All heavy atoms as atom14 arrays in JSON, in Angstrom:
{
  "sequence": "EVVVPYQWDALNDRIENAEPSGAVHNYKVAAGEVDGSFHGMVFQDSD",
  "atom14_mask": [
    [1, 1, 1, 1, 1, 1, 1, 1, 1, 0, 0, 0, 0, 0],
    [1, 1, 1, 1, 1, 1, 1, 0, 0, 0, 0, 0, 0, 0],
    [1, 1, 1, 1, 1, 1, 1, 0, 0, 0, 0, 0, 0, 0],
    [1, 1, 1, 1, 1, 1, 1, 0, 0, 0, 0, 0, 0, 0],
    [1, 1, 1, 1, 1, 1, 1, 0, 0, 0, 0, 0, 0, 0],
    [1, 1, 1, 1, 1, 1, 1, 1, 1, 1, 1, 1, 0, 0],
    [1, 1, 1, 1, 1, 1, 1, 1, 1, 0, 0, 0, 0, 0],
    [1, 1, 1, 1, 1, 1, 1, 1, 1, 1, 1, 1, 1, 1],
    [1, 1, 1, 1, 1, 1, 1, 1, 0, 0, 0, 0, 0, 0],
    [1, 1, 1, 1, 1, 0, 0, 0, 0, 0, 0, 0, 0, 0],
    [1, 1, 1, 1, 1, 1, 1, 1, 0, 0, 0, 0, 0, 0],
    [1, 1, 1, 1, 1, 1, 1, 1, 0, 0, 0, 0, 0, 0],
    [1, 1, 1, 1, 1, 1, 1, 1, 0, 0, 0, 0, 0, 0],
    [1, 1, 1, 1, 1, 1, 1, 1, 1, 1, 1, 0, 0, 0],
    [1, 1, 1, 1, 1, 1, 1, 1, 0, 0, 0, 0, 0, 0],
    [1, 1, 1, 1, 1, 1, 1, 1, 1, 0, 0, 0, 0, 0],
    [1, 1, 1, 1, 1, 1, 1, 1, 0, 0, 0, 0, 0, 0],
    [1, 1, 1, 1, 1, 0, 0, 0, 0, 0, 0, 0, 0, 0],
    [1, 1, 1, 1, 1, 1, 1, 1, 1, 0, 0, 0, 0, 0],
    [1, 1, 1, 1, 1, 1, 1, 0, 0, 0, 0, 0, 0, 0],
    [1, 1, 1, 1, 1, 1, 0, 0, 0, 0, 0, 0, 0, 0],
    [1, 1, 1, 1, 0, 0, 0, 0, 0, 0, 0, 0, 0, 0],
    [1, 1, 1, 1, 1, 0, 0, 0, 0, 0, 0, 0, 0, 0],
    [1, 1, 1, 1, 1, 1, 1, 0, 0, 0, 0, 0, 0, 0],
    [1, 1, 1, 1, 1, 1, 1, 1, 1, 1, 0, 0, 0, 0],
    [1, 1, 1, 1, 1, 1, 1, 1, 0, 0, 0, 0, 0, 0],
    [1, 1, 1, 1, 1, 1, 1, 1, 1, 1, 1, 1, 0, 0],
    [1, 1, 1, 1, 1, 1, 1, 1, 1, 0, 0, 0, 0, 0],
    [1, 1, 1, 1, 1, 1, 1, 0, 0, 0, 0, 0, 0, 0],
    [1, 1, 1, 1, 1, 0, 0, 0, 0, 0, 0, 0, 0, 0],
    [1, 1, 1, 1, 1, 0, 0, 0, 0, 0, 0, 0, 0, 0],
    [1, 1, 1, 1, 0, 0, 0, 0, 0, 0, 0, 0, 0, 0],
    [1, 1, 1, 1, 1, 1, 1, 1, 1, 0, 0, 0, 0, 0],
    [1, 1, 1, 1, 1, 1, 1, 0, 0, 0, 0, 0, 0, 0],
    [1, 1, 1, 1, 1, 1, 1, 1, 0, 0, 0, 0, 0, 0],
    [1, 1, 1, 1, 0, 0, 0, 0, 0, 0, 0, 0, 0, 0],
    [1, 1, 1, 1, 1, 1, 0, 0, 0, 0, 0, 0, 0, 0],
    [1, 1, 1, 1, 1, 1, 1, 1, 1, 1, 1, 0, 0, 0],
    [1, 1, 1, 1, 1, 1, 1, 1, 1, 1, 0, 0, 0, 0],
    [1, 1, 1, 1, 0, 0, 0, 0, 0, 0, 0, 0, 0, 0],
    [1, 1, 1, 1, 1, 1, 1, 1, 0, 0, 0, 0, 0, 0],
    [1, 1, 1, 1, 1, 1, 1, 0, 0, 0, 0, 0, 0, 0],
    [1, 1, 1, 1, 1, 1, 1, 1, 1, 1, 1, 0, 0, 0],
    [1, 1, 1, 1, 1, 1, 1, 1, 1, 0, 0, 0, 0, 0],
    [1, 1, 1, 1, 1, 1, 1, 1, 0, 0, 0, 0, 0, 0],
    [1, 1, 1, 1, 1, 1, 0, 0, 0, 0, 0, 0, 0, 0],
    [1, 1, 1, 1, 1, 1, 1, 1, 0, 0, 0, 0, 0, 0]
  ],
  "atom14_positions": [
    [[0.8, -1.23, 0.0], [0.0, 0.0, 0.0], [0.83, 1.28, 0.0], [0.36, 2.32, -0.45], [-0.93, 0.0, 1.21], [-1.95, -1.14, 1.19], [-2.76, -1.24, 2.48], [-2.61, -0.34, 3.35], [-3.53, -2.21, 2.63], [0.0, 0.0, 0.0], [0.0, 0.0, 0.0], [0.0, 0.0, 0.0], [0.0, 0.0, 0.0], [0.0, 0.0, 0.0]],
    [[2.07, 1.19, 0.5], [2.88, 2.4, 0.64], [4.2, 2.29, -0.12], [4.51, 3.14, -0.96], [3.16, 2.71, 2.14], [4.08, 3.93, 2.26], [1.86, 2.94, 2.89], [0.0, 0.0, 0.0], [0.0, 0.0, 0.0], [0.0, 0.0, 0.0], [0.0, 0.0, 0.0], [0.0, 0.0, 0.0], [0.0, 0.0, 0.0], [0.0, 0.0, 0.0]],
    [[4.98, 1.27, 0.17], [6.36, 1.21, -0.33], [6.41, 1.11, -1.85], [7.11, 1.9, -2.51], [7.11, 0.03, 0.31], [8.51, -0.08, -0.27], [7.16, 0.19, 1.83], [0.0, 0.0, 0.0], [0.0, 0.0, 0.0], [0.0, 0.0, 0.0], [0.0, 0.0, 0.0], [0.0, 0.0, 0.0], [0.0, 0.0, 0.0], [0.0, 0.0, 0.0]],
    [[5.69, 0.17, -2.43], [5.73, 0.01, -3.89], [5.15, 1.23, -4.61], [5.78, 1.74, -5.56], [5.03, -1.3, -4.3], [4.67, -1.29, -5.78], [5.95, -2.49, -4.0], [0.0, 0.0, 0.0], [0.0, 0.0, 0.0], [0.0, 0.0, 0.0], [0.0, 0.0, 0.0], [0.0, 0.0, 0.0], [0.0, 0.0, 0.0], [0.0, 0.0, 0.0]],
    [[4.0, 1.79, -4.2], [3.53, 3.03, -4.84], [4.51, 4.19, -4.65], [4.75, 4.97, -5.59], [2.2, 3.31, -4.14], [1.73, 1.98, -3.66], [2.97, 1.24, -3.27], [0.0, 0.0, 0.0], [0.0, 0.0, 0.0], [0.0, 0.0, 0.0], [0.0, 0.0, 0.0], [0.0, 0.0, 0.0], [0.0, 0.0, 0.0], [0.0, 0.0, 0.0]],
    [[5.09, 4.31, -3.45], [6.05, 5.38, -3.19], [7.27, 5.23, -4.09], [7.74, 6.21, -4.69], [6.47, 5.35, -1.72], [7.49, 6.41, -1.34], [7.08, 7.65, -0.86], [8.86, 6.16, -1.45], [8.02, 8.62, -0.51], [9.8, 7.12, -1.11], [9.37, 8.35, -0.64], [10.29, 9.31, -0.3], [0.0, 0.0, 0.0], [0.0, 0.0, 0.0]],
    [[7.77, 4.01, -4.2], [8.95, 3.79, -5.03], [8.64, 4.0, -6.51], [9.51, 4.45, -7.27], [9.52, 2.4, -4.77], [10.1, 2.27, -3.36], [10.8, 0.95, -3.11], [10.93, 0.12, -4.01], [11.27, 0.74, -1.89], [0.0, 0.0, 0.0], [0.0, 0.0, 0.0], [0.0, 0.0, 0.0], [0.0, 0.0, 0.0], [0.0, 0.0, 0.0]],
    [[7.42, 3.69, -6.92], [7.04, 3.97, -8.31], [7.08, 5.47, -8.56], [7.56, 5.92, -9.61], [5.65, 3.41, -8.58], [5.13, 3.66, -9.97], [4.0, 4.35, -10.31], [5.7, 3.21, -11.2], [3.83, 4.35, -11.67], [4.87, 3.66, -12.25], [6.83, 2.47, -11.51], [5.13, 3.4, -13.59], [7.1, 2.21, -12.87], [6.26, 2.68, -13.87]],
    [[6.6, 6.24, -7.61], [6.68, 7.69, -7.74], [8.14, 8.15, -7.79], [8.51, 9.05, -8.56], [5.96, 8.38, -6.58], [4.44, 8.33, -6.72], [3.95, 8.12, -7.85], [3.74, 8.5, -5.7], [0.0, 0.0, 0.0], [0.0, 0.0, 0.0], [0.0, 0.0, 0.0], [0.0, 0.0, 0.0], [0.0, 0.0, 0.0], [0.0, 0.0, 0.0]],
    [[8.98, 7.55, -6.95], [10.4, 7.92, -6.93], [11.07, 7.6, -8.26], [11.85, 8.41, -8.79], [11.11, 7.21, -5.78], [0.0, 0.0, 0.0], [0.0, 0.0, 0.0], [0.0, 0.0, 0.0], [0.0, 0.0, 0.0], [0.0, 0.0, 0.0], [0.0, 0.0, 0.0], [0.0, 0.0, 0.0], [0.0, 0.0, 0.0], [0.0, 0.0, 0.0]],
    [[10.77, 6.44, -8.81], [11.37, 6.04, -10.08], [10.9, 6.93, -11.23], [11.57, 7.02, -12.27], [11.03, 4.58, -10.38], [11.67, 3.54, -9.45], [11.07, 2.17, -9.71], [13.18, 3.51, -9.62], [0.0, 0.0, 0.0], [0.0, 0.0, 0.0], [0.0, 0.0, 0.0], [0.0, 0.0, 0.0], [0.0, 0.0, 0.0], [0.0, 0.0, 0.0]],
    [[9.76, 7.58, -11.02], [9.23, 8.51, -12.03], [9.45, 9.97, -11.64], [8.83, 10.87, -12.22], [7.74, 8.24, -12.24], [7.48, 7.0, -13.07], [7.53, 7.05, -14.3], [7.21, 5.88, -12.4], [0.0, 0.0, 0.0], [0.0, 0.0, 0.0], [0.0, 0.0, 0.0], [0.0, 0.0, 0.0], [0.0, 0.0, 0.0], [0.0, 0.0, 0.0]],
    [[10.31, 10.2, -10.64], [10.73, 11.55, -10.24], [9.57, 12.4, -9.75], [9.47, 13.59, -10.07], [11.44, 12.26, -11.4], [12.6, 11.43, -11.95], [13.33, 10.84, -11.14], [12.75, 11.36, -13.19], [0.0, 0.0, 0.0], [0.0, 0.0, 0.0], [0.0, 0.0, 0.0], [0.0, 0.0, 0.0], [0.0, 0.0, 0.0], [0.0, 0.0, 0.0]],
    [[8.7, 11.79, -8.95], [7.55, 12.53, -8.43], [7.62, 12.72, -6.92], [6.61, 13.1, -6.31], [6.27, 11.79, -8.81], [6.02, 11.71, -10.31], [4.58, 11.33, -10.64], [4.28, 9.95, -10.31], [4.16, 8.97, -11.21], [4.36, 9.23, -12.5], [3.85, 7.74, -10.84], [0.0, 0.0, 0.0], [0.0, 0.0, 0.0], [0.0, 0.0, 0.0]],
    [[8.76, 12.48, -6.27], [8.9, 12.67, -4.84], [9.57, 14.02, -4.58], [10.71, 14.25, -5.01], [9.74, 11.55, -4.19], [9.08, 10.19, -4.45], [9.91, 11.8, -2.7], [7.72, 10.02, -3.81], [0.0, 0.0, 0.0], [0.0, 0.0, 0.0], [0.0, 0.0, 0.0], [0.0, 0.0, 0.0], [0.0, 0.0, 0.0], [0.0, 0.0, 0.0]],
    [[8.87, 14.9, -3.9], [9.39, 16.24, -3.63], [10.59, 16.15, -2.69], [10.62, 15.37, -1.75], [8.29, 17.1, -3.0], [8.66, 18.56, -2.83], [7.5, 19.38, -2.29], [6.4, 18.83, -2.16], [7.73, 20.57, -1.98], [0.0, 0.0, 0.0], [0.0, 0.0, 0.0], [0.0, 0.0, 0.0], [0.0, 0.0, 0.0], [0.0, 0.0, 0.0]],
    [[11.61, 16.96, -2.99], [12.81, 17.06, -2.16], [13.58, 15.74, -2.07], [14.24, 15.46, -1.06], [12.47, 17.55, -0.75], [11.84, 18.93, -0.75], [12.25, 19.8, -1.52], [10.85, 19.14, 0.11], [0.0, 0.0, 0.0], [0.0, 0.0, 0.0], [0.0, 0.0, 0.0], [0.0, 0.0, 0.0], [0.0, 0.0, 0.0], [0.0, 0.0, 0.0]],
    [[13.46, 14.92, -3.08], [14.22, 13.67, -3.14], [15.1, 13.69, -4.39], [14.77, 14.34, -5.39], [13.29, 12.47, -3.16], [0.0, 0.0, 0.0], [0.0, 0.0, 0.0], [0.0, 0.0, 0.0], [0.0, 0.0, 0.0], [0.0, 0.0, 0.0], [0.0, 0.0, 0.0], [0.0, 0.0, 0.0], [0.0, 0.0, 0.0], [0.0, 0.0, 0.0]],
    [[16.23, 13.0, -4.33], [17.1, 12.95, -5.5], [16.36, 12.33, -6.68], [15.72, 11.29, -6.53], [18.35, 12.13, -5.18], [19.29, 12.79, -4.19], [20.66, 12.12, -4.16], [21.27, 11.98, -5.24], [21.1, 11.74, -3.07], [0.0, 0.0, 0.0], [0.0, 0.0, 0.0], [0.0, 0.0, 0.0], [0.0, 0.0, 0.0], [0.0, 0.0, 0.0]],
    [[16.43, 12.95, -7.85], [15.73, 12.38, -9.01], [16.33, 11.05, -9.42], [17.54, 10.84, -9.31], [15.93, 13.45, -10.1], [17.15, 14.2, -9.68], [17.15, 14.2, -8.19], [0.0, 0.0, 0.0], [0.0, 0.0, 0.0], [0.0, 0.0, 0.0], [0.0, 0.0, 0.0], [0.0, 0.0, 0.0], [0.0, 0.0, 0.0], [0.0, 0.0, 0.0]],
    [[15.5, 10.16, -9.93], [15.94, 8.84, -10.35], [16.23, 8.79, -11.84], [17.3, 8.39, -12.27], [14.88, 7.8, -9.99], [15.13, 6.58, -10.64], [0.0, 0.0, 0.0], [0.0, 0.0, 0.0], [0.0, 0.0, 0.0], [0.0, 0.0, 0.0], [0.0, 0.0, 0.0], [0.0, 0.0, 0.0], [0.0, 0.0, 0.0], [0.0, 0.0, 0.0]],
    [[15.25, 9.17, -12.63], [15.4, 9.1, -14.09], [15.31, 7.69, -14.64], [15.42, 7.49, -15.86], [0.0, 0.0, 0.0], [0.0, 0.0, 0.0], [0.0, 0.0, 0.0], [0.0, 0.0, 0.0], [0.0, 0.0, 0.0], [0.0, 0.0, 0.0], [0.0, 0.0, 0.0], [0.0, 0.0, 0.0], [0.0, 0.0, 0.0], [0.0, 0.0, 0.0]],
    [[15.1, 6.7, -13.78], [15.2, 5.31, -14.22], [14.13, 4.93, -15.23], [14.42, 4.31, -16.26], [15.14, 4.38, -13.01], [0.0, 0.0, 0.0], [0.0, 0.0, 0.0], [0.0, 0.0, 0.0], [0.0, 0.0, 0.0], [0.0, 0.0, 0.0], [0.0, 0.0, 0.0], [0.0, 0.0, 0.0], [0.0, 0.0, 0.0], [0.0, 0.0, 0.0]],
    [[12.88, 5.27, -14.96], [11.81, 4.96, -15.91], [11.96, 5.83, -17.16], [11.77, 5.36, -18.3], [10.43, 5.16, -15.26], [9.32, 5.02, -16.31], [10.21, 4.14, -14.14], [0.0, 0.0, 0.0], [0.0, 0.0, 0.0], [0.0, 0.0, 0.0], [0.0, 0.0, 0.0], [0.0, 0.0, 0.0], [0.0, 0.0, 0.0], [0.0, 0.0, 0.0]],
    [[12.34, 7.07, -16.96], [12.55, 7.97, -18.09], [13.59, 7.4, -19.05], [13.42, 7.47, -20.28], [12.99, 9.35, -17.58], [13.37, 10.31, -18.65], [12.44, 10.97, -19.43], [14.59, 10.72, -19.11], [13.06, 11.74, -20.3], [14.36, 11.61, -20.13], [0.0, 0.0, 0.0], [0.0, 0.0, 0.0], [0.0, 0.0, 0.0], [0.0, 0.0, 0.0]],
    [[14.66, 6.83, -18.52], [15.7, 6.25, -19.39], [15.13, 5.18, -20.3], [15.45, 5.11, -21.5], [16.81, 5.65, -18.53], [17.61, 6.69, -17.76], [17.64, 7.86, -18.13], [18.26, 6.26, -16.69], [0.0, 0.0, 0.0], [0.0, 0.0, 0.0], [0.0, 0.0, 0.0], [0.0, 0.0, 0.0], [0.0, 0.0, 0.0], [0.0, 0.0, 0.0]],
    [[14.3, 4.33, -19.74], [13.68, 3.27, -20.56], [12.76, 3.88, -21.62], [12.71, 3.39, -22.77], [12.9, 2.3, -19.68], [13.73, 1.18, -19.1], [14.04, 1.14, -17.75], [14.21, 0.16, -19.91], [14.8, 0.11, -17.22], [14.98, -0.87, -19.4], [15.27, -0.89, -18.05], [16.03, -1.91, -17.53], [0.0, 0.0, 0.0], [0.0, 0.0, 0.0]],
    [[12.02, 4.91, -21.25], [11.12, 5.54, -22.22], [11.89, 6.16, -23.37], [11.48, 6.08, -24.54], [10.25, 6.59, -21.53], [9.2, 6.01, -20.61], [8.36, 7.11, -19.96], [7.25, 6.52, -19.1], [6.43, 7.59, -18.44], [0.0, 0.0, 0.0], [0.0, 0.0, 0.0], [0.0, 0.0, 0.0], [0.0, 0.0, 0.0], [0.0, 0.0, 0.0]],
    [[13.03, 6.79, -23.05], [13.86, 7.37, -24.11], [14.41, 6.26, -25.01], [14.37, 6.34, -26.24], [15.0, 8.2, -23.51], [15.92, 8.72, -24.63], [14.45, 9.37, -22.7], [0.0, 0.0, 0.0], [0.0, 0.0, 0.0], [0.0, 0.0, 0.0], [0.0, 0.0, 0.0], [0.0, 0.0, 0.0], [0.0, 0.0, 0.0], [0.0, 0.0, 0.0]],
    [[14.92, 5.19, -24.39], [15.48, 4.08, -25.17], [14.43, 3.39, -26.03], [14.74, 2.85, -27.1], [16.14, 3.07, -24.23], [0.0, 0.0, 0.0], [0.0, 0.0, 0.0], [0.0, 0.0, 0.0], [0.0, 0.0, 0.0], [0.0, 0.0, 0.0], [0.0, 0.0, 0.0], [0.0, 0.0, 0.0], [0.0, 0.0, 0.0], [0.0, 0.0, 0.0]],
    [[13.18, 3.42, -25.56], [12.09, 2.81, -26.31], [11.55, 3.72, -27.41], [10.68, 3.3, -28.19], [10.95, 2.44, -25.35], [0.0, 0.0, 0.0], [0.0, 0.0, 0.0], [0.0, 0.0, 0.0], [0.0, 0.0, 0.0], [0.0, 0.0, 0.0], [0.0, 0.0, 0.0], [0.0, 0.0, 0.0], [0.0, 0.0, 0.0], [0.0, 0.0, 0.0]],
    [[12.05, 4.94, -27.47], [11.58, 5.88, -28.47], [10.26, 6.53, -28.12], [9.61, 7.15, -28.96], [0.0, 0.0, 0.0], [0.0, 0.0, 0.0], [0.0, 0.0, 0.0], [0.0, 0.0, 0.0], [0.0, 0.0, 0.0], [0.0, 0.0, 0.0], [0.0, 0.0, 0.0], [0.0, 0.0, 0.0], [0.0, 0.0, 0.0], [0.0, 0.0, 0.0]],
    [[9.86, 6.43, -26.86], [8.58, 6.97, -26.43], [8.65, 8.47, -26.16], [7.69, 9.2, -26.39], [8.11, 6.23, -25.18], [6.71, 6.59, -24.73], [6.22, 5.66, -23.63], [6.13, 4.44, -23.86], [5.91, 6.18, -22.54], [0.0, 0.0, 0.0], [0.0, 0.0, 0.0], [0.0, 0.0, 0.0], [0.0, 0.0, 0.0], [0.0, 0.0, 0.0]],
    [[9.8, 8.93, -25.66], [10.02, 10.35, -25.4], [11.42, 10.72, -25.83], [12.29, 9.85, -25.99], [9.83, 10.7, -23.9], [8.41, 10.4, -23.43], [10.85, 9.98, -23.03], [0.0, 0.0, 0.0], [0.0, 0.0, 0.0], [0.0, 0.0, 0.0], [0.0, 0.0, 0.0], [0.0, 0.0, 0.0], [0.0, 0.0, 0.0], [0.0, 0.0, 0.0]],
    [[11.65, 12.01, -26.0], [12.99, 12.5, -26.31], [13.71, 12.78, -24.99], [13.09, 13.07, -23.97], [12.92, 13.78, -27.14], [12.35, 13.54, -28.52], [12.56, 12.43, -29.05], [11.68, 14.45, -29.05], [0.0, 0.0, 0.0], [0.0, 0.0, 0.0], [0.0, 0.0, 0.0], [0.0, 0.0, 0.0], [0.0, 0.0, 0.0], [0.0, 0.0, 0.0]],
    [[15.02, 12.72, -25.03], [15.79, 13.03, -23.83], [17.1, 12.29, -23.83], [17.51, 11.67, -24.81], [0.0, 0.0, 0.0], [0.0, 0.0, 0.0], [0.0, 0.0, 0.0], [0.0, 0.0, 0.0], [0.0, 0.0, 0.0], [0.0, 0.0, 0.0], [0.0, 0.0, 0.0], [0.0, 0.0, 0.0], [0.0, 0.0, 0.0], [0.0, 0.0, 0.0]],
    [[17.8, 12.39, -22.71], [19.1, 11.75, -22.55], [19.11, 10.9, -21.29], [18.17, 10.97, -20.48], [20.21, 12.82, -22.48], [19.96, 13.71, -21.39], [0.0, 0.0, 0.0], [0.0, 0.0, 0.0], [0.0, 0.0, 0.0], [0.0, 0.0, 0.0], [0.0, 0.0, 0.0], [0.0, 0.0, 0.0], [0.0, 0.0, 0.0], [0.0, 0.0, 0.0]],
    [[20.15, 10.12, -21.12], [20.26, 9.23, -19.97], [20.51, 10.05, -18.71], [21.26, 11.02, -18.7], [21.4, 8.24, -20.19], [21.57, 7.27, -19.06], [20.88, 6.07, -19.05], [22.42, 7.55, -18.0], [21.03, 5.17, -18.0], [22.58, 6.66, -16.95], [21.87, 5.47, -16.95], [0.0, 0.0, 0.0], [0.0, 0.0, 0.0], [0.0, 0.0, 0.0]],
    [[19.9, 9.6, -17.61], [20.13, 10.23, -16.32], [20.46, 9.18, -15.28], [19.85, 8.11, -15.25], [18.87, 11.0, -15.86], [19.01, 11.59, -14.49], [19.6, 12.81, -14.27], [18.67, 11.12, -13.26], [19.6, 13.08, -12.97], [19.05, 12.05, -12.34], [0.0, 0.0, 0.0], [0.0, 0.0, 0.0], [0.0, 0.0, 0.0], [0.0, 0.0, 0.0]],
    [[21.42, 9.49, -14.41], [21.69, 8.63, -13.27], [22.95, 7.81, -13.4], [23.82, 8.06, -14.23], [0.0, 0.0, 0.0], [0.0, 0.0, 0.0], [0.0, 0.0, 0.0], [0.0, 0.0, 0.0], [0.0, 0.0, 0.0], [0.0, 0.0, 0.0], [0.0, 0.0, 0.0], [0.0, 0.0, 0.0], [0.0, 0.0, 0.0], [0.0, 0.0, 0.0]],
    [[23.04, 6.81, -12.52], [24.2, 5.94, -12.45], [24.21, 4.95, -13.62], [23.19, 4.68, -14.23], [24.2, 5.15, -11.14], [24.16, 6.01, -9.9], [25.79, 6.7, -9.55], [25.53, 7.35, -7.89], [0.0, 0.0, 0.0], [0.0, 0.0, 0.0], [0.0, 0.0, 0.0], [0.0, 0.0, 0.0], [0.0, 0.0, 0.0], [0.0, 0.0, 0.0]],
    [[25.37, 4.36, -13.86], [25.51, 3.39, -14.93], [24.61, 2.17, -14.71], [24.25, 1.47, -15.66], [26.99, 2.98, -15.09], [27.46, 2.18, -13.88], [27.25, 2.24, -16.39], [0.0, 0.0, 0.0], [0.0, 0.0, 0.0], [0.0, 0.0, 0.0], [0.0, 0.0, 0.0], [0.0, 0.0, 0.0], [0.0, 0.0, 0.0], [0.0, 0.0, 0.0]],
    [[24.23, 1.93, -13.46], [23.38, 0.77, -13.12], [21.94, 1.17, -12.83], [21.21, 0.42, -12.18], [23.96, 0.03, -11.91], [24.42, 0.94, -10.8], [23.51, 1.54, -9.94], [25.76, 1.2, -10.62], [23.93, 2.38, -8.92], [26.2, 2.03, -9.6], [25.28, 2.63, -8.75], [0.0, 0.0, 0.0], [0.0, 0.0, 0.0], [0.0, 0.0, 0.0]],
    [[21.51, 2.33, -13.32], [20.18, 2.85, -12.99], [19.05, 1.91, -13.4], [18.01, 1.86, -12.75], [19.99, 4.23, -13.63], [19.07, 5.15, -12.86], [19.73, 5.74, -11.62], [20.85, 5.4, -11.28], [19.02, 6.62, -10.93], [0.0, 0.0, 0.0], [0.0, 0.0, 0.0], [0.0, 0.0, 0.0], [0.0, 0.0, 0.0], [0.0, 0.0, 0.0]],
    [[19.24, 1.13, -14.44], [18.2, 0.21, -14.91], [17.76, -0.75, -13.81], [16.6, -1.17, -13.75], [18.71, -0.62, -16.09], [18.81, 0.17, -17.38], [18.53, 1.38, -17.36], [19.17, -0.43, -18.4], [0.0, 0.0, 0.0], [0.0, 0.0, 0.0], [0.0, 0.0, 0.0], [0.0, 0.0, 0.0], [0.0, 0.0, 0.0], [0.0, 0.0, 0.0]],
    [[18.68, -1.14, -12.95], [18.39, -2.18, -11.97], [17.35, -1.75, -10.95], [16.65, -2.59, -10.38], [19.67, -2.62, -11.26], [20.24, -1.56, -10.52], [0.0, 0.0, 0.0], [0.0, 0.0, 0.0], [0.0, 0.0, 0.0], [0.0, 0.0, 0.0], [0.0, 0.0, 0.0], [0.0, 0.0, 0.0], [0.0, 0.0, 0.0], [0.0, 0.0, 0.0]],
    [[17.21, -0.45, -10.7], [16.17, 0.01, -9.77], [14.78, -0.34, -10.29], [13.88, -0.71, -9.53], [16.27, 1.52, -9.55], [17.55, 1.94, -8.82], [18.22, 1.04, -8.27], [17.86, 3.14, -8.81], [0.0, 0.0, 0.0], [0.0, 0.0, 0.0], [0.0, 0.0, 0.0], [0.0, 0.0, 0.0], [0.0, 0.0, 0.0], [0.0, 0.0, 0.0]]
  ]
}
């Protein structure tokens, strides 16, 4: 009820005053769904 929804928000950069993740965004860019560049650590996919 809390952790998984919260982490989904974090992975989508929707948590205020928290370090941005960019993890879902990276996949969307790689899939051609949105424009943009890679963000985060070299292992960001694993999150």
